[in-house]
Amino acid sequence: MRGRGRRGNNEGSIHRREDGRWQAIISVEGGERKYFYGKARAEVAKRLSQAQHEVSGGLPMLDERQTVAQYLDTWILTVRLQIRASTWRRYSDFVRVHLVPGLGRIPLA
């Protein structure tokens, strides 16, 4: 009979806490862990699945405290090498002039 092995990074785990709530944990880059809590196992399983999908797709995990401005700053730097320089300048100007002033303070989550 085989013993239980360790789960790999980004596989996550779900367990019930002593207070009755369910907790899901996923390891993200840099060795950090992201925790999700809920009243039902299905609720945290759904959130864990979404987080796994984001990580496997190369997307940053949504942080409840991240604003639209912070996300757009990261995004504009990420796409810089994937598009033409003139397109990147237009996108950068559009984000800086039109999006960040109006939507920048709104939390993503």
Protein backbone atom coordinates (compact mmCIF):
# COMPACT_ATOMS: atom_id res chain seq x y z
CA MET A 1 0.00 0.00 0.00
CA ARG A 2 1.37 3.38 -1.00
CA GLY A 3 1.65 6.22 1.47
CA ARG A 4 0.14 9.59 0.81
CA GLY A 5 2.50 11.82 -1.11
CA ARG A 6 2.75 15.55 -0.90
CA ARG A 7 0.75 17.67 -3.25
CA GLY A 8 2.70 19.87 -5.62
CA ASN A 9 2.69 23.66 -5.74
CA ASN A 10 -0.45 25.20 -7.23
CA GLU A 11 -2.48 22.03 -6.58
CA GLY A 12 -4.00 23.43 -3.42
CA SER A 13 -5.75 21.69 -0.57
CA ILE A 14 -9.09 21.93 1.22
CA HIS A 15 -9.84 21.07 4.81
CA ARG A 16 -12.33 21.86 7.56
CA ARG A 17 -11.21 24.16 10.36
CA GLU A 18 -11.98 23.71 14.04
CA ASP A 19 -14.48 26.58 13.91
CA GLY A 20 -16.53 24.70 11.27
CA ARG A 21 -15.53 26.83 8.29
CA TRP A 22 -13.80 25.38 5.24
CA GLN A 23 -10.35 26.54 4.17
CA ALA A 24 -8.58 26.18 0.83
CA ILE A 25 -4.88 26.89 0.42
CA ILE A 26 -2.86 27.36 -2.76
CA SER A 27 0.86 28.06 -3.07
CA VAL A 28 1.78 30.86 -5.44
CA GLU A 29 5.07 32.09 -6.83
CA GLY A 30 7.62 33.27 -4.35
CA GLY A 31 6.59 30.60 -1.83
CA GLU A 32 3.61 32.59 -0.60
CA ARG A 33 0.27 30.98 0.14
CA LYS A 34 -3.21 32.26 -0.61
CA TYR A 35 -6.07 31.25 1.70
CA PHE A 36 -9.77 31.08 0.89
CA TYR A 37 -12.47 30.64 3.53
CA GLY A 38 -16.14 29.77 3.29
CA LYS A 39 -19.11 28.16 5.00
CA ALA A 40 -19.45 25.36 2.43
CA ARG A 41 -16.80 23.09 0.93
CA ALA A 42 -18.18 23.69 -2.56
CA GLU A 43 -17.72 27.44 -2.13
CA VAL A 44 -14.01 27.19 -1.32
CA ALA A 45 -13.51 24.47 -3.94
CA LYS A 46 -14.88 26.83 -6.58
CA ARG A 47 -12.59 29.67 -5.46
CA LEU A 48 -9.59 27.31 -5.36
CA SER A 49 -10.38 26.10 -8.89
CA GLN A 50 -10.55 29.70 -10.15
CA ALA A 51 -7.20 30.47 -8.52
CA GLN A 52 -5.61 27.37 -10.07
CA HIS A 53 -6.96 28.39 -13.48
CA GLU A 54 -5.51 31.90 -13.11
CA VAL A 55 -2.10 30.57 -12.07
CA SER A 56 -1.96 27.98 -14.88
CA GLY A 57 -3.00 30.62 -17.43
CA GLY A 58 -0.17 32.91 -16.38
CA LEU A 59 -2.57 35.47 -14.93
CA PRO A 60 -1.90 37.18 -11.63
CA MET A 61 -4.19 36.02 -8.87
CA LEU A 62 -6.70 38.65 -7.95
CA ASP A 63 -5.88 40.16 -4.61
CA GLU A 64 -8.89 41.60 -2.80
CA ARG A 65 -6.88 44.75 -2.08
CA GLN A 66 -5.59 45.28 -5.63
CA THR A 67 -7.02 48.30 -7.44
CA VAL A 68 -7.70 48.77 -11.14
CA ALA A 69 -4.75 51.19 -11.33
CA GLN A 70 -2.36 48.64 -9.81
CA TYR A 71 -3.56 45.94 -12.20
CA LEU A 72 -3.29 48.21 -15.24
CA ASP A 73 0.25 49.23 -14.28
CA THR A 74 1.26 45.57 -14.19
CA TRP A 75 -0.64 44.74 -17.37
CA ILE A 76 0.88 47.56 -19.44
CA LEU A 77 4.38 46.37 -18.51
CA THR A 78 3.51 42.76 -19.33
CA VAL A 79 2.22 43.46 -22.86
CA ARG A 80 5.12 45.75 -23.77
CA LEU A 81 7.16 42.97 -25.39
CA GLN A 82 4.16 41.42 -27.12
CA ILE A 83 3.00 44.40 -29.19
CA ARG A 84 4.58 47.07 -31.37
CA ALA A 85 6.18 50.06 -29.66
CA SER A 86 3.70 52.50 -31.22
CA THR A 87 0.76 50.38 -30.03
CA TRP A 88 2.24 50.15 -26.56
CA ARG A 89 2.61 53.95 -26.38
CA ARG A 90 -1.04 54.40 -27.37
CA TYR A 91 -2.20 51.84 -24.82
CA SER A 92 -0.01 53.38 -22.14
CA ASP A 93 -1.34 56.87 -22.84
CA PHE A 94 -4.93 55.64 -22.89
CA VAL A 95 -4.51 53.85 -19.57
CA ARG A 96 -2.75 56.81 -17.93
CA VAL A 97 -5.05 59.55 -19.26
CA HIS A 98 -8.47 57.90 -19.44
CA LEU A 99 -8.70 54.74 -17.33
CA VAL A 100 -6.64 55.36 -14.20
CA PRO A 101 -8.13 58.77 -13.30
CA GLY A 102 -11.71 57.47 -13.47
CA LEU A 103 -11.41 53.83 -12.47
CA GLY A 104 -8.04 53.57 -10.73
CA ARG A 105 -9.30 53.54 -7.12
CA ILE A 106 -11.88 50.77 -7.63
CA PRO A 107 -10.86 47.40 -6.14
CA LEU A 108 -10.66 44.61 -8.73
CA ALA A 109 -12.41 42.04 -6.57
